[in-house]
């Protein structure tokens, strides 16, 4: 617990020194990477595999369409 608090404190201080401009630059890069179609595809595959292993792939009240989108179970296609 002490290590976590120390790490958080160091991160806060270094982040404060870097400033808002650096934070915005990091977030723009993160969003560009996270929104890339290849990354989205890999994330979808990873989610599906985790869902298969854990049984958490489907939620109550939704039906899985063949294109991977979810819709309410009561909706008629």
C-alpha atoms as a PDB file:
ATOM      1  CA  UNK A   1       0.000   0.000   0.000  1.00  0.00           C
ATOM      2  CA  UNK A   2       2.861   2.365   0.790  1.00  0.00           C
ATOM      3  CA  UNK A   3       4.420   1.657  -2.613  1.00  0.00           C
ATOM      4  CA  UNK A   4       1.150   2.519  -4.359  1.00  0.00           C
ATOM      5  CA  UNK A   5       0.805   5.809  -2.488  1.00  0.00           C
ATOM      6  CA  UNK A   6       4.443   6.667  -3.170  1.00  0.00           C
ATOM      7  CA  UNK A   7       4.000   5.874  -6.873  1.00  0.00           C
ATOM      8  CA  UNK A   8       0.844   7.967  -7.065  1.00  0.00           C
ATOM      9  CA  UNK A   9       2.589  10.886  -5.362  1.00  0.00           C
ATOM     10  CA  UNK A  10       5.591  10.697  -7.708  1.00  0.00           C
ATOM     11  CA  UNK A  11       3.285  10.480 -10.727  1.00  0.00           C
ATOM     12  CA  UNK A  12       1.332  13.490  -9.520  1.00  0.00           C
ATOM     13  CA  UNK A  13       4.457  15.593  -9.027  1.00  0.00           C
ATOM     14  CA  UNK A  14       5.954  14.630 -12.389  1.00  0.00           C
ATOM     15  CA  UNK A  15       2.630  15.219 -14.108  1.00  0.00           C
ATOM     16  CA  UNK A  16       2.275  18.615 -12.498  1.00  0.00           C
ATOM     17  CA  UNK A  17       5.753  19.587 -13.672  1.00  0.00           C
ATOM     18  CA  UNK A  18       5.061  18.421 -17.234  1.00  0.00           C
ATOM     19  CA  UNK A  19       1.998  20.646 -17.393  1.00  0.00           C
ATOM     20  CA  UNK A  20      -1.293  20.583 -19.223  1.00  0.00           C
ATOM     21  CA  UNK A  21       0.284  20.804 -22.666  1.00  0.00           C
ATOM     22  CA  UNK A  22       2.145  17.524 -22.223  1.00  0.00           C
ATOM     23  CA  UNK A  23      -0.986  15.869 -20.799  1.00  0.00           C
ATOM     24  CA  UNK A  24      -2.989  16.968 -23.836  1.00  0.00           C
ATOM     25  CA  UNK A  25      -0.267  15.649 -26.150  1.00  0.00           C
ATOM     26  CA  UNK A  26      -0.283  12.249 -24.416  1.00  0.00           C
ATOM     27  CA  UNK A  27      -4.088  12.062 -24.563  1.00  0.00           C
ATOM     28  CA  UNK A  28      -4.163  12.951 -28.291  1.00  0.00           C
ATOM     29  CA  UNK A  29      -1.670  10.173 -28.997  1.00  0.00           C
ATOM     30  CA  UNK A  30      -3.625   7.719 -26.838  1.00  0.00           C
ATOM     31  CA  UNK A  31      -6.895   8.527 -28.609  1.00  0.00           C
ATOM     32  CA  UNK A  32      -5.283   8.262 -32.040  1.00  0.00           C
ATOM     33  CA  UNK A  33      -3.968   4.794 -31.174  1.00  0.00           C
ATOM     34  CA  UNK A  34      -7.128   3.637 -29.387  1.00  0.00           C
ATOM     35  CA  UNK A  35      -9.357   4.749 -32.276  1.00  0.00           C
ATOM     36  CA  UNK A  36      -7.262   3.003 -34.956  1.00  0.00           C
ATOM     37  CA  UNK A  37      -9.302   0.270 -36.703  1.00  0.00           C
ATOM     38  CA  UNK A  38      -6.615  -2.386 -36.163  1.00  0.00           C
ATOM     39  CA  UNK A  39      -6.559  -1.698 -32.422  1.00  0.00           C
ATOM     40  CA  UNK A  40     -10.364  -1.741 -32.287  1.00  0.00           C
ATOM     41  CA  UNK A  41     -10.398  -5.105 -34.067  1.00  0.00           C
ATOM     42  CA  UNK A  42      -7.829  -6.591 -31.716  1.00  0.00           C
ATOM     43  CA  UNK A  43      -9.758  -5.288 -28.709  1.00  0.00           C
ATOM     44  CA  UNK A  44     -12.943  -6.890 -30.017  1.00  0.00           C
ATOM     45  CA  UNK A  45     -11.197 -10.230 -30.467  1.00  0.00           C
ATOM     46  CA  UNK A  46      -9.712 -10.004 -26.978  1.00  0.00           C
ATOM     47  CA  UNK A  47     -13.150  -9.153 -25.508  1.00  0.00           C
ATOM     48  CA  UNK A  48     -14.697 -12.124 -27.288  1.00  0.00           C
ATOM     49  CA  UNK A  49     -12.021 -14.523 -26.031  1.00  0.00           C
ATOM     50  CA  UNK A  50     -12.356 -13.250 -22.469  1.00  0.00           C
ATOM     51  CA  UNK A  51     -16.122 -13.615 -22.779  1.00  0.00           C
ATOM     52  CA  UNK A  52     -15.754 -17.205 -23.955  1.00  0.00           C
ATOM     53  CA  UNK A  53     -13.432 -18.085 -21.088  1.00  0.00           C
ATOM     54  CA  UNK A  54     -15.462 -16.359 -18.375  1.00  0.00           C
ATOM     55  CA  UNK A  55     -18.984 -16.719 -19.725  1.00  0.00           C
ATOM     56  CA  UNK A  56     -19.435 -12.948 -19.487  1.00  0.00           C
ATOM     57  CA  UNK A  57     -19.683 -12.401 -23.236  1.00  0.00           C
ATOM     58  CA  UNK A  58     -23.468 -11.918 -23.219  1.00  0.00           C
ATOM     59  CA  UNK A  59     -25.446  -9.746 -20.897  1.00  0.00           C
ATOM     60  CA  UNK A  60     -29.010 -10.353 -19.791  1.00  0.00           C
ATOM     61  CA  UNK A  61     -31.612  -8.680 -21.986  1.00  0.00           C
ATOM     62  CA  UNK A  62     -29.525  -8.362 -25.144  1.00  0.00           C
ATOM     63  CA  UNK A  63     -29.143 -10.492 -28.247  1.00  0.00           C
ATOM     64  CA  UNK A  64     -25.970 -10.758 -30.280  1.00  0.00           C
ATOM     65  CA  UNK A  65     -26.336  -9.893 -33.979  1.00  0.00           C
ATOM     66  CA  UNK A  66     -24.163 -11.553 -36.608  1.00  0.00           C
ATOM     67  CA  UNK A  67     -22.305  -8.261 -37.182  1.00  0.00           C
ATOM     68  CA  UNK A  68     -21.251  -8.060 -33.517  1.00  0.00           C
ATOM     69  CA  UNK A  69     -23.648  -5.263 -32.530  1.00  0.00           C
ATOM     70  CA  UNK A  70     -26.027  -5.689 -29.625  1.00  0.00           C
ATOM     71  CA  UNK A  71     -29.709  -4.912 -29.655  1.00  0.00           C
ATOM     72  CA  UNK A  72     -32.470  -5.434 -27.090  1.00  0.00           C
ATOM     73  CA  UNK A  73     -33.665  -9.048 -26.983  1.00  0.00           C
ATOM     74  CA  UNK A  74     -37.261  -7.967 -27.634  1.00  0.00           C
ATOM     75  CA  UNK A  75     -36.428  -6.134 -30.888  1.00  0.00           C
ATOM     76  CA  UNK A  76     -37.412  -7.860 -34.138  1.00  0.00           C
ATOM     77  CA  UNK A  77     -34.808  -7.622 -36.954  1.00  0.00           C
END
